[in-house]
Protein backbone atom coordinates (compact mmCIF):
# COMPACT_ATOMS: atom_id res chain seq x y z
CA UNK A 1 0.00 0.00 0.00
CA UNK A 2 1.33 3.44 -0.86
CA UNK A 3 2.21 5.78 1.99
CA UNK A 4 -0.16 8.74 2.16
CA UNK A 5 1.64 12.02 1.77
CA UNK A 6 0.93 14.96 4.02
CA UNK A 7 0.16 18.40 2.62
CA UNK A 8 3.66 19.48 3.64
CA UNK A 9 5.25 16.65 1.64
CA UNK A 10 3.06 17.44 -1.35
CA UNK A 11 4.04 21.12 -1.13
CA UNK A 12 7.73 20.15 -1.19
CA UNK A 13 7.16 17.81 -4.14
CA UNK A 14 5.10 20.36 -6.13
CA UNK A 15 6.36 23.80 -5.07
CA UNK A 16 4.53 25.77 -7.79
CA UNK A 17 1.07 24.33 -6.98
CA UNK A 18 -1.42 26.20 -4.84
CA UNK A 19 -2.81 24.76 -1.64
CA UNK A 20 -6.16 24.16 -3.34
CA UNK A 21 -4.48 22.24 -6.20
CA UNK A 22 -2.59 20.12 -3.67
CA UNK A 23 -5.87 19.39 -1.88
CA UNK A 24 -7.40 18.22 -5.17
CA UNK A 25 -4.37 16.02 -5.76
CA UNK A 26 -4.64 14.53 -2.25
CA UNK A 27 -8.42 14.02 -2.64
CA UNK A 28 -7.87 12.31 -5.99
CA UNK A 29 -5.48 9.88 -4.28
CA UNK A 30 -8.04 9.22 -1.57
CA UNK A 31 -10.79 8.64 -4.11
CA UNK A 32 -8.54 6.30 -6.07
CA UNK A 33 -7.74 4.33 -2.94
CA UNK A 34 -11.41 4.18 -1.97
CA UNK A 35 -12.29 2.91 -5.44
CA UNK A 36 -9.55 0.29 -5.18
CA UNK A 37 -10.93 -0.87 -1.83
CA UNK A 38 -14.47 -1.04 -3.19
CA UNK A 39 -13.27 -3.00 -6.21
CA UNK A 40 -11.34 -5.36 -3.96
CA UNK A 41 -14.42 -5.95 -1.81
CA UNK A 42 -16.54 -6.58 -4.90
CA UNK A 43 -13.98 -9.09 -6.17
CA UNK A 44 -13.99 -10.89 -2.83
CA UNK A 45 -17.79 -10.99 -3.00
CA UNK A 46 -17.61 -12.44 -6.50
CA UNK A 47 -15.14 -15.08 -5.33
CA UNK A 48 -17.52 -16.07 -2.54
CA UNK A 49 -20.42 -16.26 -5.01
CA UNK A 50 -18.32 -18.39 -7.34
CA UNK A 51 -17.39 -20.71 -4.48
CA UNK A 52 -21.06 -21.02 -3.55
CA UNK A 53 -22.01 -21.83 -7.14
CA UNK A 54 -19.16 -24.36 -7.36
CA UNK A 55 -20.38 -26.01 -4.15
CA UNK A 56 -23.90 -26.22 -5.58
CA UNK A 57 -22.48 -27.57 -8.85
CA UNK A 58 -20.44 -30.15 -6.92
CA UNK A 59 -23.54 -31.26 -5.01
CA UNK A 60 -25.42 -31.67 -8.29
CA UNK A 61 -22.55 -33.64 -9.80
CA UNK A 62 -22.20 -35.85 -6.75
CA UNK A 63 -25.95 -36.54 -6.92
CA UNK A 64 -25.56 -37.50 -10.57
CA UNK A 65 -22.56 -39.71 -9.78
CA UNK A 66 -24.47 -41.41 -6.97
CA UNK A 67 -27.39 -42.18 -9.30
CA UNK A 68 -24.98 -43.59 -11.88
CA UNK A 69 -23.32 -45.74 -9.21
CA UNK A 70 -26.74 -47.04 -8.14
CA UNK A 71 -27.58 -47.85 -11.78
CA UNK A 72 -24.32 -49.77 -12.25
CA UNK A 73 -24.96 -51.71 -9.03
CA UNK A 74 -28.46 -52.67 -10.25
CA UNK A 75 -27.06 -53.79 -13.59
CA UNK A 76 -24.38 -55.81 -11.83
CA UNK A 77 -27.00 -57.51 -9.67
CA UNK A 78 -29.12 -58.24 -12.76
CA UNK A 79 -26.13 -59.81 -14.51
CA UNK A 80 -25.37 -61.86 -11.41
CA UNK A 81 -28.94 -63.13 -11.34
CA UNK A 82 -28.81 -63.99 -15.06
CA UNK A 83 -25.60 -65.99 -14.59
CA UNK A 84 -27.11 -67.87 -11.67
CA UNK A 85 -30.25 -68.59 -13.71
CA UNK A 86 -28.14 -69.92 -16.57
CA UNK A 87 -26.12 -72.07 -14.21
CA UNK A 88 -29.22 -73.44 -12.47
CA UNK A 89 -30.83 -74.35 -15.79
CA UNK A 90 -27.88 -76.45 -16.88
CA UNK A 91 -26.79 -79.87 -15.68
CA UNK A 92 -24.46 -79.36 -12.68
CA UNK A 93 -21.61 -81.02 -14.55
CA UNK A 94 -21.86 -78.45 -17.38
CA UNK A 95 -22.35 -75.30 -15.26
CA UNK A 96 -18.80 -74.00 -15.64
CA UNK A 97 -18.73 -74.75 -19.38
CA UNK A 98 -22.09 -72.99 -19.91
CA UNK A 99 -20.91 -69.92 -17.96
CA UNK A 100 -17.77 -69.74 -20.11
CA UNK A 101 -19.79 -70.04 -23.31
CA UNK A 102 -22.15 -67.22 -22.29
CA UNK A 103 -19.21 -64.89 -21.66
CA UNK A 104 -19.47 -64.70 -17.90
């Protein structure tokens, strides 16, 4: 952060300026700093909003991933049941051969 100059320091730096002109210069610096602070606060607010939206997006994605995981588990159980049905339908001596032939 820049060090704020006093009116005395400004008068030394700009000897041919009037007091009123130096006040305008100092006020411009203050306004610039205030604008910078406001912009910084707005940026921090935006970052917080972005984090909130990312958290919501992550929750939506995790919900989607959970539903996909549930679907895969159901499909796996269905395949397991189909293999067992195939094995039960076949003569016990040919169960392993039948499972190999069906690709399981």
